Structure formats: structure tokens, C-alpha cells
Amino acid sequence: MESKYIGMCELDCAKCEAFIATQNNDDAMRQKVAGEWNTRYKQKGYNRPELKAQDVNCRGCLSDGPIYLYCQQCKIRQCGLSRGLKSCQECSGYKCPDLVEKQSRFY
């Protein structure tokens, strides 16, 4: 079954733990995800503020919100929205280096 929550970058928002926790209004999952993501960010050397459970809320990057902080700041999402796109596939520069790099981290 195809998801109706595909992000600008073509990632499936419905597989994202922040999206799932929001859809299920699951505070325990939010807490677990915040802890796991904080550990992952530190291990990868990211210098990000510590996530709290209340930060783990998202209805998909193309929704009216809430949108997870990282997704709000995503340059791929911002680029597509500034061009009036619903997907990077609609772009004449489809498969730009930024998109390829992001997708390589998830696929």
C-alpha cells in the first residue's frame, strides 16, 4: 500500500517515528524517540540542542503542522515549497546533489 504521507524529498513520512508518535498521540514513544535520536545525533557528531519528548511531533513535512524541527529547517523542503512544488519529482533539477545526499542516508 502506498503512503499518502510522502515528503518533499520522497521519504515516507508514515515510517518516521515522530510521525507515528504524533498520529498515535503516544507520549511514551515520543520520550523513547527523543532519547534514541539524542544518542544518534551525538554519536554522529551533530551539535544539536537536546530533544525533549514534546519536540517529537510531526504530521508530515507538507502538512499544516506540527512539523518536526529538523523537517521545518530542511533545505530540500524549503527549496520545494519556495518553488510551489509538492515533490522534488516536479523539479527541473530533479535528483540534485542535496536530494541524492539526503536519500543516501535513508535508503
PDB file of N, CA and C in Angstrom:
ATOM      1  N   MET A   1       0.845  -1.180   0.000  1.00  0.00           N
ATOM      2  CA  MET A   1       0.000   0.000   0.000  1.00  0.00           C
ATOM      3  C   MET A   1       0.891   1.244   0.000  1.00  0.00           C
ATOM      4  N   GLU A   2       0.593   2.173  -0.864  1.00  0.00           N
ATOM      5  CA  GLU A   2       1.370   3.404  -0.974  1.00  0.00           C
ATOM      6  C   GLU A   2       0.924   4.410   0.084  1.00  0.00           C
ATOM      7  N   SER A   3       1.881   5.061   0.695  1.00  0.00           N
ATOM      8  CA  SER A   3       1.580   6.039   1.733  1.00  0.00           C
ATOM      9  C   SER A   3       1.100   7.346   1.110  1.00  0.00           C
ATOM     10  N   LYS A   4       0.186   8.022   1.788  1.00  0.00           N
ATOM     11  CA  LYS A   4      -0.237   9.346   1.332  1.00  0.00           C
ATOM     12  C   LYS A   4       0.577  10.432   2.020  1.00  0.00           C
ATOM     13  N   TYR A   5       1.588  10.040   2.772  1.00  0.00           N
ATOM     14  CA  TYR A   5       2.418  10.984   3.509  1.00  0.00           C
ATOM     15  C   TYR A   5       3.858  10.971   2.994  1.00  0.00           C
ATOM     16  N   ILE A   6       4.024  11.217   1.733  1.00  0.00           N
ATOM     17  CA  ILE A   6       5.360  11.271   1.150  1.00  0.00           C
ATOM     18  C   ILE A   6       5.863  12.707   1.254  1.00  0.00           C
ATOM     19  N   GLY A   7       7.083  12.866   1.774  1.00  0.00           N
ATOM     20  CA  GLY A   7       7.657  14.188   1.948  1.00  0.00           C
ATOM     21  C   GLY A   7       8.165  14.759   0.642  1.00  0.00           C
ATOM     22  N   MET A   8       8.536  16.019   0.684  1.00  0.00           N
ATOM     23  CA  MET A   8       9.100  16.704  -0.474  1.00  0.00           C
ATOM     24  C   MET A   8      10.241  15.888  -1.081  1.00  0.00           C
ATOM     25  N   CYS A   9      11.064  15.297  -0.206  1.00  0.00           N
ATOM     26  CA  CYS A   9      12.262  14.571  -0.639  1.00  0.00           C
ATOM     27  C   CYS A   9      11.962  13.123  -1.011  1.00  0.00           C
ATOM     28  N   GLU A  10      10.716  12.735  -0.992  1.00  0.00           N
ATOM     29  CA  GLU A  10      10.235  11.406  -1.348  1.00  0.00           C
ATOM     30  C   GLU A  10      10.397  10.375  -0.246  1.00  0.00           C
ATOM     31  N   LEU A  11      10.830  10.791   0.945  1.00  0.00           N
ATOM     32  CA  LEU A  11      10.845   9.863   2.065  1.00  0.00           C
ATOM     33  C   LEU A  11       9.419   9.662   2.546  1.00  0.00           C
ATOM     34  N   ASP A  12       9.132   8.490   3.073  1.00  0.00           N
ATOM     35  CA  ASP A  12       7.800   8.147   3.542  1.00  0.00           C
ATOM     36  C   ASP A  12       7.622   8.616   4.980  1.00  0.00           C
ATOM     37  N   CYS A  13       6.940   9.731   5.154  1.00  0.00           N
ATOM     38  CA  CYS A  13       6.717  10.296   6.487  1.00  0.00           C
ATOM     39  C   CYS A  13       6.023   9.283   7.399  1.00  0.00           C
ATOM     40  N   ALA A  14       5.167   8.443   6.845  1.00  0.00           N
ATOM     41  CA  ALA A  14       4.406   7.486   7.643  1.00  0.00           C
ATOM     42  C   ALA A  14       5.294   6.429   8.291  1.00  0.00           C
ATOM     43  N   LYS A  15       6.557   6.345   7.893  1.00  0.00           N
ATOM     44  CA  LYS A  15       7.505   5.415   8.517  1.00  0.00           C
ATOM     45  C   LYS A  15       8.358   6.106   9.576  1.00  0.00           C
ATOM     46  N   CYS A  16       8.219   7.409   9.706  1.00  0.00           N
ATOM     47  CA  CYS A  16       9.014   8.190  10.662  1.00  0.00           C
ATOM     48  C   CYS A  16       8.432   8.046  12.065  1.00  0.00           C
ATOM     49  N   GLU A  17       9.308   7.833  13.042  1.00  0.00           N
ATOM     50  CA  GLU A  17       8.855   7.635  14.417  1.00  0.00           C
ATOM     51  C   GLU A  17       8.187   8.880  14.996  1.00  0.00           C
ATOM     52  N   ALA A  18       8.611  10.064  14.604  1.00  0.00           N
ATOM     53  CA  ALA A  18       7.953  11.283  15.081  1.00  0.00           C
ATOM     54  C   ALA A  18       6.531  11.354  14.528  1.00  0.00           C
ATOM     55  N   PHE A  19       6.364  11.004  13.265  1.00  0.00           N
ATOM     56  CA  PHE A  19       5.044  10.994  12.641  1.00  0.00           C
ATOM     57  C   PHE A  19       4.145   9.973  13.335  1.00  0.00           C
ATOM     58  N   ILE A  20       4.667   8.774  13.554  1.00  0.00           N
ATOM     59  CA  ILE A  20       3.884   7.698  14.183  1.00  0.00           C
ATOM     60  C   ILE A  20       3.467   8.095  15.599  1.00  0.00           C
ATOM     61  N   ALA A  21       4.410   8.649  16.378  1.00  0.00           N
ATOM     62  CA  ALA A  21       4.083   9.076  17.744  1.00  0.00           C
ATOM     63  C   ALA A  21       2.998  10.152  17.743  1.00  0.00           C
ATOM     64  N   THR A  22       3.065  11.061  16.773  1.00  0.00           N
ATOM     65  CA  THR A  22       2.059  12.125  16.678  1.00  0.00           C
ATOM     66  C   THR A  22       0.701  11.541  16.293  1.00  0.00           C
ATOM     67  N   GLN A  23       0.693  10.683  15.279  1.00  0.00           N
ATOM     68  CA  GLN A  23      -0.574  10.078  14.837  1.00  0.00           C
ATOM     69  C   GLN A  23      -1.254   9.314  15.972  1.00  0.00           C
ATOM     70  N   ASN A  24      -0.436   8.634  16.795  1.00  0.00           N
ATOM     71  CA  ASN A  24      -0.976   7.819  17.882  1.00  0.00           C
ATOM     72  C   ASN A  24      -1.083   8.581  19.205  1.00  0.00           C
ATOM     73  N   ASN A  25      -0.662   9.860  19.198  1.00  0.00           N
ATOM     74  CA  ASN A  25      -0.632  10.668  20.420  1.00  0.00           C
ATOM     75  C   ASN A  25       0.002   9.877  21.562  1.00  0.00           C
ATOM     76  N   ASP A  26       1.191   9.330  21.280  1.00  0.00           N
ATOM     77  CA  ASP A  26       1.872   8.392  22.164  1.00  0.00           C
ATOM     78  C   ASP A  26       3.054   9.080  22.862  1.00  0.00           C
ATOM     79  N   ASP A  27       2.824   9.554  24.084  1.00  0.00           N
ATOM     80  CA  ASP A  27       3.863  10.263  24.819  1.00  0.00           C
ATOM     81  C   ASP A  27       5.040   9.366  25.183  1.00  0.00           C
ATOM     82  N   ALA A  28       4.784   8.099  25.469  1.00  0.00           N
ATOM     83  CA  ALA A  28       5.883   7.175  25.784  1.00  0.00           C
ATOM     84  C   ALA A  28       6.783   6.995  24.563  1.00  0.00           C
ATOM     85  N   MET A  29       6.196   6.905  23.400  1.00  0.00           N
ATOM     86  CA  MET A  29       7.000   6.784  22.180  1.00  0.00           C
ATOM     87  C   MET A  29       7.782   8.070  21.929  1.00  0.00           C
ATOM     88  N   ARG A  30       7.171   9.213  22.156  1.00  0.00           N
ATOM     89  CA  ARG A  30       7.870  10.491  21.999  1.00  0.00           C
ATOM     90  C   ARG A  30       9.123  10.532  22.885  1.00  0.00           C
ATOM     91  N   GLN A  31       8.965  10.095  24.129  1.00  0.00           N
ATOM     92  CA  GLN A  31      10.083  10.076  25.075  1.00  0.00           C
ATOM     93  C   GLN A  31      11.183   9.136  24.584  1.00  0.00           C
ATOM     94  N   LYS A  32      10.796   7.953  24.135  1.00  0.00           N
ATOM     95  CA  LYS A  32      11.751   6.955  23.639  1.00  0.00           C
ATOM     96  C   LYS A  32      12.490   7.487  22.407  1.00  0.00           C
ATOM     97  N   VAL A  33      11.756   8.061  21.471  1.00  0.00           N
ATOM     98  CA  VAL A  33      12.349   8.591  20.240  1.00  0.00           C
ATOM     99  C   VAL A  33      13.309   9.735  20.550  1.00  0.00           C
ATOM    100  N   ALA A  34      12.918  10.634  21.436  1.00  0.00           N
ATOM    101  CA  ALA A  34      13.797  11.751  21.797  1.00  0.00           C
ATOM    102  C   ALA A  34      15.123  11.215  22.336  1.00  0.00           C
ATOM    103  N   GLY A  35      15.065  10.244  23.225  1.00  0.00           N
ATOM    104  CA  GLY A  35      16.277   9.659  23.782  1.00  0.00           C
ATOM    105  C   GLY A  35      17.137   8.993  22.727  1.00  0.00           C
ATOM    106  N   GLU A  36      16.509   8.196  21.865  1.00  0.00           N
ATOM    107  CA  GLU A  36      17.257   7.496  20.810  1.00  0.00           C
ATOM    108  C   GLU A  36      17.872   8.483  19.821  1.00  0.00           C
ATOM    109  N   TRP A  37      17.125   9.492  19.430  1.00  0.00           N
ATOM    110  CA  TRP A  37      17.644  10.457  18.459  1.00  0.00           C
ATOM    111  C   TRP A  37      18.752  11.307  19.068  1.00  0.00           C
ATOM    112  N   ASN A  38      18.638  11.652  20.352  1.00  0.00           N
ATOM    113  CA  ASN A  38      19.712  12.395  21.009  1.00  0.00           C
ATOM    114  C   ASN A  38      21.006  11.585  20.987  1.00  0.00           C
ATOM    115  N   THR A  39      20.897  10.303  21.295  1.00  0.00           N
ATOM    116  CA  THR A  39      22.071   9.424  21.273  1.00  0.00           C
ATOM    117  C   THR A  39      22.648   9.342  19.870  1.00  0.00           C
ATOM    118  N   ARG A  40      21.791   9.138  18.885  1.00  0.00           N
ATOM    119  CA  ARG A  40      22.240   9.027  17.491  1.00  0.00           C
ATOM    120  C   ARG A  40      22.924  10.308  17.017  1.00  0.00           C
ATOM    121  N   TYR A  41      22.340  11.458  17.324  1.00  0.00           N
ATOM    122  CA  TYR A  41      22.927  12.740  16.908  1.00  0.00           C
ATOM    123  C   TYR A  41      24.312  12.930  17.520  1.00  0.00           C
ATOM    124  N   LYS A  42      24.429  12.587  18.807  1.00  0.00           N
ATOM    125  CA  LYS A  42      25.728  12.732  19.481  1.00  0.00           C
ATOM    126  C   LYS A  42      26.765  11.796  18.869  1.00  0.00           C
ATOM    127  N   GLN A  43      26.370  10.547  18.585  1.00  0.00           N
ATOM    128  CA  GLN A  43      27.294   9.576  18.004  1.00  0.00           C
ATOM    129  C   GLN A  43      27.788  10.019  16.633  1.00  0.00           C
ATOM    130  N   LYS A  44      26.939  10.695  15.902  1.00  0.00           N
ATOM    131  CA  LYS A  44      27.322  11.159  14.563  1.00  0.00           C
ATOM    132  C   LYS A  44      28.026  12.514  14.610  1.00  0.00           C
ATOM    133  N   GLY A  45      28.167  13.078  15.793  1.00  0.00           N
ATOM    134  CA  GLY A  45      28.891  14.335  15.946  1.00  0.00           C
ATOM    135  C   GLY A  45      28.082  15.582  15.641  1.00  0.00           C
ATOM    136  N   TYR A  46      26.747  15.457  15.571  1.00  0.00           N
ATOM    137  CA  TYR A  46      25.916  16.631  15.343  1.00  0.00           C
ATOM    138  C   TYR A  46      25.892  17.496  16.592  1.00  0.00           C
ATOM    139  N   ASN A  47      25.983  18.763  16.401  1.00  0.00           N
ATOM    140  CA  ASN A  47      25.911  19.709  17.510  1.00  0.00           C
ATOM    141  C   ASN A  47      24.499  20.296  17.525  1.00  0.00           C
ATOM    142  N   ARG A  48      23.574  19.554  18.099  1.00  0.00           N
ATOM    143  CA  ARG A  48      22.177  19.986  18.147  1.00  0.00           C
ATOM    144  C   ARG A  48      21.723  20.098  19.589  1.00  0.00           C
ATOM    145  N   PRO A  49      20.764  20.973  19.829  1.00  0.00           N
ATOM    146  CA  PRO A  49      20.190  21.035  21.182  1.00  0.00           C
ATOM    147  C   PRO A  49      19.528  19.693  21.519  1.00  0.00           C
ATOM    148  N   GLU A  50      19.533  19.368  22.792  1.00  0.00           N
ATOM    149  CA  GLU A  50      18.920  18.132  23.282  1.00  0.00           C
ATOM    150  C   GLU A  50      17.417  18.141  22.979  1.00  0.00           C
ATOM    151  N   LEU A  51      16.933  17.066  22.371  1.00  0.00           N
ATOM    152  CA  LEU A  51      15.498  16.937  22.111  1.00  0.00           C
ATOM    153  C   LEU A  51      14.771  16.563  23.385  1.00  0.00           C
ATOM    154  N   LYS A  52      13.567  17.070  23.503  1.00  0.00           N
ATOM    155  CA  LYS A  52      12.665  16.689  24.579  1.00  0.00           C
ATOM    156  C   LYS A  52      11.480  15.975  23.937  1.00  0.00           C
ATOM    157  N   ALA A  53      10.751  15.223  24.713  1.00  0.00           N
ATOM    158  CA  ALA A  53       9.616  14.474  24.176  1.00  0.00           C
ATOM    159  C   ALA A  53       8.646  15.385  23.425  1.00  0.00           C
ATOM    160  N   GLN A  54       8.405  16.574  23.942  1.00  0.00           N
ATOM    161  CA  GLN A  54       7.453  17.485  23.297  1.00  0.00           C
ATOM    162  C   GLN A  54       7.952  17.994  21.943  1.00  0.00           C
ATOM    163  N   ASP A  55       9.247  17.793  21.652  1.00  0.00           N
ATOM    164  CA  ASP A  55       9.796  18.183  20.347  1.00  0.00           C
ATOM    165  C   ASP A  55       9.463  17.167  19.259  1.00  0.00           C
ATOM    166  N   VAL A  56       9.042  15.974  19.668  1.00  0.00           N
ATOM    167  CA  VAL A  56       8.814  14.876  18.722  1.00  0.00           C
ATOM    168  C   VAL A  56       7.346  14.887  18.301  1.00  0.00           C
ATOM    169  N   ASN A  57       7.026  15.805  17.406  1.00  0.00           N
ATOM    170  CA  ASN A  57       5.674  15.957  16.873  1.00  0.00           C
ATOM    171  C   ASN A  57       5.764  16.313  15.401  1.00  0.00           C
ATOM    172  N   CYS A  58       5.056  15.573  14.558  1.00  0.00           N
ATOM    173  CA  CYS A  58       5.069  15.870  13.132  1.00  0.00           C
ATOM    174  C   CYS A  58       3.880  15.200  12.448  1.00  0.00           C
ATOM    175  N   ARG A  59       3.260  15.929  11.562  1.00  0.00           N
ATOM    176  CA  ARG A  59       2.169  15.387  10.740  1.00  0.00           C
ATOM    177  C   ARG A  59       2.588  15.266   9.277  1.00  0.00           C
ATOM    178  N   GLY A  60       3.880  15.369   9.021  1.00  0.00           N
ATOM    179  CA  GLY A  60       4.393  15.264   7.661  1.00  0.00           C
ATOM    180  C   GLY A  60       4.856  16.616   7.162  1.00  0.00           C
ATOM    181  N   CYS A  61       5.923  16.622   6.387  1.00  0.00           N
ATOM    182  CA  CYS A  61       6.559  17.894   6.027  1.00  0.00           C
ATOM    183  C   CYS A  61       5.712  18.769   5.105  1.00  0.00           C
ATOM    184  N   LEU A  62       4.714  18.205   4.473  1.00  0.00           N
ATOM    185  CA  LEU A  62       3.851  19.000   3.603  1.00  0.00           C
ATOM    186  C   LEU A  62       2.520  19.350   4.269  1.00  0.00           C
ATOM    187  N   SER A  63       2.404  19.012   5.545  1.00  0.00           N
ATOM    188  CA  SER A  63       1.167  19.302   6.273  1.00  0.00           C
ATOM    189  C   SER A  63       1.174  20.733   6.798  1.00  0.00           C
ATOM    190  N   ASP A  64       0.057  21.123   7.393  1.00  0.00           N
ATOM    191  CA  ASP A  64      -0.049  22.435   8.028  1.00  0.00           C
ATOM    192  C   ASP A  64       0.583  22.432   9.415  1.00  0.00           C
ATOM    193  N   GLY A  65       1.067  21.285   9.864  1.00  0.00           N
ATOM    194  CA  GLY A  65       1.768  21.194  11.141  1.00  0.00           C
ATOM    195  C   GLY A  65       1.023  20.364  12.146  1.00  0.00           C
ATOM    196  N   PRO A  66       1.649  20.061  13.242  1.00  0.00           N
ATOM    197  CA  PRO A  66       3.029  20.426  13.547  1.00  0.00           C
ATOM    198  C   PRO A  66       4.020  19.687  12.649  1.00  0.00           C
ATOM    199  N   ILE A  67       5.189  20.274  12.519  1.00  0.00           N
ATOM    200  CA  ILE A  67       6.250  19.695  11.706  1.00  0.00           C
ATOM    201  C   ILE A  67       7.505  19.620  12.576  1.00  0.00           C
ATOM    202  N   TYR A  68       8.129  18.456  12.598  1.00  0.00           N
ATOM    203  CA  TYR A  68       9.341  18.240  13.393  1.00  0.00           C
ATOM    204  C   TYR A  68      10.379  19.305  13.052  1.00  0.00           C
ATOM    205  N   LEU A  69      11.099  19.782  14.053  1.00  0.00           N
ATOM    206  CA  LEU A  69      12.046  20.885  13.896  1.00  0.00           C
ATOM    207  C   LEU A  69      13.020  20.667  12.741  1.00  0.00           C
ATOM    208  N   TYR A  70      13.628  19.492  12.652  1.00  0.00           N
ATOM    209  CA  TYR A  70      14.575  19.232  11.569  1.00  0.00           C
ATOM    210  C   TYR A  70      13.893  19.389  10.208  1.00  0.00           C
ATOM    211  N   CYS A  71      12.676  18.890  10.101  1.00  0.00           N
ATOM    212  CA  CYS A  71      11.950  18.978   8.829  1.00  0.00           C
ATOM    213  C   CYS A  71      11.581  20.424   8.503  1.00  0.00           C
ATOM    214  N   GLN A  72      11.273  21.222   9.525  1.00  0.00           N
ATOM    215  CA  GLN A  72      10.995  22.644   9.302  1.00  0.00           C
ATOM    216  C   GLN A  72      12.194  23.337   8.671  1.00  0.00           C
ATOM    217  N   GLN A  73      13.393  22.938   9.099  1.00  0.00           N
ATOM    218  CA  GLN A  73      14.622  23.574   8.650  1.00  0.00           C
ATOM    219  C   GLN A  73      15.239  22.907   7.418  1.00  0.00           C
ATOM    220  N   CYS A  74      14.655  21.836   6.936  1.00  0.00           N
ATOM    221  CA  CYS A  74      15.214  21.063   5.823  1.00  0.00           C
ATOM    222  C   CYS A  74      15.313  21.930   4.563  1.00  0.00           C
ATOM    223  N   LYS A  75      16.531  22.045   4.015  1.00  0.00           N
ATOM    224  CA  LYS A  75      16.715  22.902   2.844  1.00  0.00           C
ATOM    225  C   LYS A  75      16.031  22.315   1.606  1.00  0.00           C
ATOM    226  N   ILE A  76      15.850  21.011   1.554  1.00  0.00           N
ATOM    227  CA  ILE A  76      15.143  20.406   0.426  1.00  0.00           C
ATOM    228  C   ILE A  76      13.668  20.788   0.486  1.00  0.00           C
ATOM    229  N   ARG A  77      13.070  20.683   1.655  1.00  0.00           N
ATOM    230  CA  ARG A  77      11.666  21.075   1.841  1.00  0.00           C
ATOM    231  C   ARG A  77      11.487  22.554   1.526  1.00  0.00           C
ATOM    232  N   GLN A  78      12.367  23.393   2.065  1.00  0.00           N
ATOM    233  CA  GLN A  78      12.271  24.837   1.833  1.00  0.00           C
ATOM    234  C   GLN A  78      12.410  25.168   0.345  1.00  0.00           C
ATOM    235  N   CYS A  79      13.321  24.501  -0.332  1.00  0.00           N
ATOM    236  CA  CYS A  79      13.521  24.736  -1.768  1.00  0.00           C
ATOM    237  C   CYS A  79      12.249  24.390  -2.546  1.00  0.00           C
ATOM    238  N   GLY A  80      11.701  23.215  -2.283  1.00  0.00           N
ATOM    239  CA  GLY A  80      10.497  22.792  -2.990  1.00  0.00           C
ATOM    240  C   GLY A  80       9.307  23.703  -2.731  1.00  0.00           C
ATOM    241  N   LEU A  81       9.109  24.060  -1.464  1.00  0.00           N
ATOM    242  CA  LEU A  81       7.993  24.946  -1.137  1.00  0.00           C
ATOM    243  C   LEU A  81       8.162  26.306  -1.802  1.00  0.00           C
ATOM    244  N   SER A  82       9.398  26.807  -1.851  1.00  0.00           N
ATOM    245  CA  SER A  82       9.627  28.119  -2.476  1.00  0.00           C
ATOM    246  C   SER A  82       9.335  28.083  -3.973  1.00  0.00           C
ATOM    247  N   ARG A  83       9.364  26.895  -4.558  1.00  0.00           N
ATOM    248  CA  ARG A  83       9.076  26.725  -5.987  1.00  0.00           C
ATOM    249  C   ARG A  83       7.633  26.288  -6.231  1.00  0.00           C
ATOM    250  N   GLY A  84       6.874  26.138  -5.154  1.00  0.00           N
ATOM    251  CA  GLY A  84       5.472  25.733  -5.284  1.00  0.00           C
ATOM    252  C   GLY A  84       5.297  24.264  -5.637  1.00  0.00           C
ATOM    253  N   LEU A  85       6.267  23.435  -5.278  1.00  0.00           N
ATOM    254  CA  LEU A  85       6.218  22.010  -5.605  1.00  0.00           C
ATOM    255  C   LEU A  85       5.598  21.205  -4.475  1.00  0.00           C
ATOM    256  N   LYS A  86       5.087  20.022  -4.816  1.00  0.00           N
ATOM    257  CA  LYS A  86       4.610  19.066  -3.819  1.00  0.00           C
ATOM    258  C   LYS A  86       5.584  17.916  -3.672  1.00  0.00           C
ATOM    259  N   SER A  87       6.541  17.831  -4.581  1.00  0.00           N
ATOM    260  CA  SER A  87       7.549  16.776  -4.561  1.00  0.00           C
ATOM    261  C   SER A  87       8.745  17.225  -5.389  1.00  0.00           C
ATOM    262  N   CYS A  88       9.910  16.760  -5.010  1.00  0.00           N
ATOM    263  CA  CYS A  88      11.112  17.058  -5.794  1.00  0.00           C
ATOM    264  C   CYS A  88      10.996  16.511  -7.223  1.00  0.00           C
ATOM    265  N   GLN A  89      10.176  15.495  -7.409  1.00  0.00           N
ATOM    266  CA  GLN A  89       9.992  14.926  -8.748  1.00  0.00           C
ATOM    267  C   GLN A  89       9.446  15.946  -9.742  1.00  0.00           C
ATOM    268  N   GLU A  90       8.784  16.975  -9.248  1.00  0.00           N
ATOM    269  CA  GLU A  90       8.225  18.011 -10.117  1.00  0.00           C
ATOM    270  C   GLU A  90       9.272  19.034 -10.566  1.00  0.00           C
ATOM    271  N   CYS A  91      10.476  18.951 -10.008  1.00  0.00           N
ATOM    272  CA  CYS A  91      11.511  19.957 -10.248  1.00  0.00           C
ATOM    273  C   CYS A  91      12.326  19.642 -11.502  1.00  0.00           C
ATOM    274  N   SER A  92      12.671  20.689 -12.256  1.00  0.00           N
ATOM    275  CA  SER A  92      13.506  20.509 -13.446  1.00  0.00           C
ATOM    276  C   SER A  92      14.919  20.065 -13.081  1.00  0.00           C
ATOM    277  N   GLY A  93      15.339  20.311 -11.851  1.00  0.00           N
ATOM    278  CA  GLY A  93      16.655  19.877 -11.384  1.00  0.00           C
ATOM    279  C   GLY A  93      16.587  18.607 -10.551  1.00  0.00           C
ATOM    280  N   TYR A  94      15.575  17.788 -10.846  1.00  0.00           N
ATOM    281  CA  TYR A  94      15.332  16.566 -10.068  1.00  0.00           C
ATOM    282  C   TYR A  94      16.598  15.735  -9.915  1.00  0.00           C
ATOM    283  N   LYS A  95      16.757  15.246  -8.715  1.00  0.00           N
ATOM    284  CA  LYS A  95      17.928  14.485  -8.270  1.00  0.00           C
ATOM    285  C   LYS A  95      19.149  15.387  -8.137  1.00  0.00           C
ATOM    286  N   CYS A  96      18.911  16.575  -7.579  1.00  0.00           N
ATOM    287  CA  CYS A  96      20.009  17.497  -7.288  1.00  0.00           C
ATOM    288  C   CYS A  96      20.924  16.848  -6.241  1.00  0.00           C
ATOM    289  N   PRO A  97      22.136  17.342  -6.084  1.00  0.00           N
ATOM    290  CA  PRO A  97      23.068  16.757  -5.113  1.00  0.00           C
ATOM    291  C   PRO A  97      22.527  16.720  -3.679  1.00  0.00           C
ATOM    292  N   ASP A  98      21.774  17.742  -3.268  1.00  0.00           N
ATOM    293  CA  ASP A  98      21.218  17.758  -1.911  1.00  0.00           C
ATOM    294  C   ASP A  98      20.234  16.608  -1.714  1.00  0.00           C
ATOM    295  N   LEU A  99      19.388  16.371  -2.700  1.00  0.00           N
ATOM    296  CA  LEU A  99      18.410  15.291  -2.618  1.00  0.00           C
ATOM    297  C   LEU A  99      19.106  13.933  -2.605  1.00  0.00           C
ATOM    298  N   VAL A 100      20.059  13.745  -3.483  1.00  0.00           N
ATOM    299  CA  VAL A 100      20.790  12.476  -3.558  1.00  0.00           C
ATOM    300  C   VAL A 100      21.470  12.183  -2.217  1.00  0.00           C
ATOM    301  N   GLU A 101      22.101  13.205  -1.638  1.00  0.00           N
ATOM    302  CA  GLU A 101      22.796  13.028  -0.361  1.00  0.00           C
ATOM    303  C   GLU A 101      21.816  12.656   0.750  1.00  0.00           C
ATOM    304  N   LYS A 102      20.677  13.347   0.818  1.00  0.00           N
ATOM    305  CA  LYS A 102      19.699  13.051   1.870  1.00  0.00           C
ATOM    306  C   LYS A 102      19.140  11.645   1.701  1.00  0.00           C
ATOM    307  N   GLN A 103      18.770  11.296   0.487  1.00  0.00           N
ATOM    308  CA  GLN A 103      18.203   9.973   0.265  1.00  0.00           C
ATOM    309  C   GLN A 103      19.216   8.859   0.559  1.00  0.00           C
ATOM    310  N   SER A 104      20.488   9.129   0.327  1.00  0.00           N
ATOM    311  CA  SER A 104      21.506   8.106   0.578  1.00  0.00           C
ATOM    312  C   SER A 104      21.605   7.776   2.068  1.00  0.00           C
ATOM    313  N   ARG A 105      21.211   8.697   2.925  1.00  0.00           N
ATOM    314  CA  ARG A 105      21.233   8.451   4.371  1.00  0.00           C
ATOM    315  C   ARG A 105      20.077   7.602   4.826  1.00  0.00           C
ATOM    316  N   PHE A 106      19.017   7.486   4.029  1.00  0.00           N
ATOM    317  CA  PHE A 106      17.816   6.783   4.446  1.00  0.00           C
ATOM    318  C   PHE A 106      17.520   5.529   3.653  1.00  0.00           C
ATOM    319  N   TYR A 107      18.064   5.399   2.467  1.00  0.00           N
ATOM    320  CA  TYR A 107      17.766   4.223   1.625  1.00  0.00           C
ATOM    321  C   TYR A 107      18.953   3.319   1.546  1.00  0.00           C
TER     322      TYR A 107
END
